[in-house]
Amino acid sequence: MHVIKIALNLTCLSQVNSEHPLAKAVVEYAKKFRDEENPSWPEARDFVSITGHGVKATVHNKEIMVGNKSLLADHNIAIPVEAEDMLAEAEKMAQTGILVSISGKVAGVLAVSDPLKPGAQEVISILKSMKIKSIMVTGDNFGTASSIAREVGIENVIAEAKPDQKAEKVKDLQVRMHDDYTFSS
């Protein structure tokens, strides 16, 4: 448990400055494990948020990276088979898998879920009954996005969209839908 606590604390420290909802979830969870005698967080230096990938920071002279597979791949960090298996298992359960790297080695995988909003299934069902097609556009990986979409009844998913791409993807869909339903006189 001690090693897990250290890894979680380092992970949390690298996330404290992030505004991302997943980062906030990690920080809130890690607060449960704070040392009662010394409740303050050590300083995270050189914090960098890499949009659509994760964050990196230096904590206790260790480089901490917290994010998706592409973040670690971009930094030439190998992902062990066990971590790949954990990520796949998280996806099957409609969770987002987050990799944690400490000093260039994968130290763990966090699985975070965002529960469905109450009534989401009902809303999608009503839209279907009105012949309105719903499409999910998300930054989640395809496995997680597909699991969530199936749960609510959405058939079309655009996954792994970076935050700055989401609005553009929606505009593209609107143009395509408009073109599909425009009739010439």
Protein backbone atom coordinates (compact mmCIF):
# COMPACT_ATOMS: atom_id res chain seq x y z
CA MET A 1 0.00 0.00 0.00
CA HIS A 2 2.91 2.37 0.73
CA VAL A 3 4.16 2.28 -2.90
CA ILE A 4 0.62 2.86 -4.19
CA LYS A 5 0.22 5.82 -1.84
CA ILE A 6 3.51 7.37 -3.01
CA ALA A 7 2.57 6.91 -6.69
CA LEU A 8 -0.89 8.36 -6.09
CA ASN A 9 0.55 11.36 -4.25
CA LEU A 10 3.07 12.02 -7.04
CA THR A 11 0.30 11.66 -9.60
CA CYS A 12 -1.90 14.06 -7.69
CA LEU A 13 0.88 16.61 -7.34
CA SER A 14 1.37 16.65 -11.09
CA GLN A 15 -2.39 17.24 -11.53
CA VAL A 16 -3.01 20.00 -8.96
CA ASN A 17 -2.52 22.80 -11.49
CA SER A 18 -4.69 21.22 -14.19
CA GLU A 19 -8.22 22.41 -14.92
CA HIS A 20 -9.22 19.19 -16.70
CA PRO A 21 -12.17 17.31 -15.12
CA LEU A 22 -10.17 14.05 -15.00
CA ALA A 23 -7.32 15.82 -13.20
CA LYS A 24 -9.76 17.25 -10.68
CA ALA A 25 -11.16 13.76 -10.07
CA VAL A 26 -7.66 12.40 -9.41
CA VAL A 27 -6.90 15.23 -6.98
CA GLU A 28 -10.17 14.73 -5.10
CA TYR A 29 -9.53 11.00 -4.78
CA ALA A 30 -5.93 11.51 -3.65
CA LYS A 31 -7.05 13.85 -0.88
CA LYS A 32 -8.36 10.77 0.94
CA PHE A 33 -4.77 9.56 1.32
CA ARG A 34 -3.13 12.79 2.48
CA ASP A 35 -0.79 12.67 5.43
CA GLU A 36 -2.65 14.14 8.41
CA GLU A 37 0.59 15.40 9.96
CA ASN A 38 1.68 17.24 6.81
CA PRO A 39 -1.45 17.98 4.75
CA SER A 40 0.20 20.38 2.26
CA TRP A 41 1.29 19.19 -1.18
CA PRO A 42 4.97 19.39 -2.13
CA GLU A 43 5.67 21.72 -5.02
CA ALA A 44 5.19 20.53 -8.58
CA ARG A 45 7.66 22.35 -10.85
CA ASP A 46 7.76 22.75 -14.62
CA PHE A 47 4.06 21.91 -14.95
CA VAL A 48 2.99 21.52 -18.58
CA SER A 49 -0.51 20.66 -19.77
CA ILE A 50 -0.47 18.93 -23.16
CA THR A 51 -3.96 19.40 -24.57
CA GLY A 52 -5.65 16.14 -25.45
CA HIS A 53 -2.83 14.06 -23.99
CA GLY A 54 -2.21 14.82 -20.31
CA VAL A 55 0.23 16.66 -18.10
CA LYS A 56 3.80 16.46 -16.96
CA ALA A 57 5.59 18.02 -14.02
CA THR A 58 8.59 17.55 -11.81
CA VAL A 59 7.92 16.47 -8.22
CA HIS A 60 10.73 15.59 -5.81
CA ASN A 61 13.15 15.75 -8.79
CA LYS A 62 11.17 13.04 -10.60
CA GLU A 63 9.48 13.64 -13.94
CA ILE A 64 5.83 12.66 -13.60
CA MET A 65 3.59 12.19 -16.63
CA VAL A 66 -0.11 11.50 -16.33
CA GLY A 67 -2.16 10.97 -19.46
CA ASN A 68 -3.04 8.77 -22.38
CA LYS A 69 -0.95 6.32 -24.41
CA SER A 70 0.01 8.92 -26.99
CA LEU A 71 1.57 11.13 -24.27
CA LEU A 72 3.85 8.32 -23.20
CA ALA A 73 4.56 7.25 -26.79
CA ASP A 74 5.57 10.83 -27.66
CA HIS A 75 8.14 10.61 -24.84
CA ASN A 76 9.38 7.13 -25.84
CA ILE A 77 8.03 5.47 -22.70
CA ALA A 78 7.22 1.79 -23.19
CA ILE A 79 3.85 0.62 -21.94
CA PRO A 80 4.06 -2.82 -20.30
CA VAL A 81 1.61 -5.56 -21.31
CA GLU A 82 0.04 -5.45 -17.82
CA ALA A 83 -0.74 -1.75 -18.24
CA GLU A 84 -2.19 -2.37 -21.74
CA ASP A 85 -4.42 -5.07 -20.23
CA MET A 86 -5.59 -2.70 -17.49
CA LEU A 87 -6.40 -0.03 -20.08
CA ALA A 88 -8.41 -2.52 -22.14
CA GLU A 89 -10.30 -3.67 -19.04
CA ALA A 90 -11.10 -0.05 -18.13
CA GLU A 91 -12.44 0.58 -21.65
CA LYS A 92 -14.75 -2.45 -21.41
CA MET A 93 -16.22 -0.96 -18.22
CA ALA A 94 -16.75 2.46 -19.88
CA GLN A 95 -13.91 3.98 -17.88
CA THR A 96 -11.08 6.19 -19.06
CA GLY A 97 -7.68 4.65 -18.42
CA ILE A 98 -4.96 7.10 -17.42
CA LEU A 99 -1.31 6.10 -17.43
CA VAL A 100 1.11 7.32 -14.78
CA SER A 101 4.82 7.48 -15.54
CA ILE A 102 7.49 8.24 -12.96
CA SER A 103 11.01 8.96 -14.23
CA GLY A 104 10.35 7.40 -17.63
CA LYS A 105 8.66 4.17 -16.46
CA VAL A 106 4.98 3.32 -16.22
CA ALA A 107 4.12 3.22 -12.52
CA GLY A 108 0.40 2.61 -12.73
CA VAL A 109 -2.94 2.95 -14.41
CA LEU A 110 -5.86 4.94 -13.03
CA ALA A 111 -9.40 4.20 -14.19
CA VAL A 112 -11.85 7.08 -14.00
CA SER A 113 -15.51 6.96 -14.90
CA ASP A 114 -17.92 9.76 -15.54
CA PRO A 115 -21.35 8.44 -14.62
CA LEU A 116 -24.11 8.96 -17.13
CA LYS A 117 -26.34 11.90 -16.46
CA PRO A 118 -29.73 10.90 -15.08
CA GLY A 119 -32.18 10.59 -17.92
CA ALA A 120 -29.55 10.33 -20.70
CA GLN A 121 -30.97 7.02 -21.98
CA GLU A 122 -34.49 8.40 -21.92
CA VAL A 123 -33.50 11.54 -23.85
CA ILE A 124 -31.74 9.48 -26.56
CA SER A 125 -34.77 7.18 -26.75
CA ILE A 126 -37.11 10.16 -27.20
CA LEU A 127 -34.86 11.63 -29.89
CA LYS A 128 -34.84 8.27 -31.73
CA SER A 129 -38.65 8.14 -31.58
CA MET A 130 -38.63 11.60 -33.23
CA LYS A 131 -36.31 10.23 -35.96
CA ILE A 132 -33.46 12.41 -34.72
CA LYS A 133 -30.05 10.82 -35.09
CA SER A 134 -27.62 11.33 -32.20
CA ILE A 135 -23.85 11.30 -32.67
CA MET A 136 -21.38 11.32 -29.81
CA VAL A 137 -18.24 13.47 -30.22
CA THR A 138 -15.78 12.92 -27.39
CA GLY A 139 -12.15 13.05 -26.40
CA ASP A 140 -12.43 9.61 -24.84
CA ASN A 141 -10.73 6.67 -26.52
CA PHE A 142 -12.85 4.63 -28.90
CA GLY A 143 -13.37 1.70 -26.52
CA THR A 144 -14.66 3.82 -23.66
CA ALA A 145 -16.73 6.02 -25.96
CA SER A 146 -18.32 2.99 -27.63
CA SER A 147 -19.22 1.44 -24.27
CA ILE A 148 -20.91 4.63 -23.11
CA ALA A 149 -22.67 5.13 -26.44
CA ARG A 150 -24.06 1.58 -26.35
CA GLU A 151 -25.27 2.15 -22.81
CA VAL A 152 -27.37 5.16 -23.83
CA GLY A 153 -28.34 3.94 -27.29
CA ILE A 154 -26.13 6.10 -29.51
CA GLU A 155 -24.97 4.29 -32.64
CA ASN A 156 -22.45 6.73 -34.11
CA VAL A 157 -19.31 7.77 -32.24
CA ILE A 158 -16.46 10.08 -33.06
CA ALA A 159 -13.80 9.41 -30.43
CA GLU A 160 -10.37 10.76 -29.52
CA ALA A 161 -11.32 14.26 -30.69
CA LYS A 162 -8.97 16.82 -29.20
CA PRO A 163 -10.68 19.70 -27.34
CA ASP A 164 -9.89 22.18 -30.10
CA GLN A 165 -11.28 19.76 -32.74
CA LYS A 166 -14.67 19.04 -31.18
CA ALA A 167 -16.46 22.17 -32.39
CA GLU A 168 -15.01 21.69 -35.87
CA LYS A 169 -16.20 18.06 -35.96
CA VAL A 170 -19.71 19.17 -34.98
CA LYS A 171 -19.69 21.85 -37.72
CA ASP A 172 -18.57 19.26 -40.27
CA LEU A 173 -21.41 16.97 -39.19
CA GLN A 174 -23.90 19.83 -39.45
CA VAL A 175 -22.74 20.62 -42.99
CA ARG A 176 -22.92 16.94 -44.00
CA MET A 177 -26.40 16.56 -42.48
CA HIS A 178 -27.58 19.77 -44.16
CA ASP A 179 -26.23 18.57 -47.52
CA ASP A 180 -27.93 15.17 -47.06
CA TYR A 181 -31.32 16.80 -46.50
CA THR A 182 -31.19 19.68 -48.97
CA PHE A 183 -33.61 19.19 -51.83
CA SER A 184 -33.36 20.96 -55.15
CA SER A 185 -36.52 22.44 -56.60
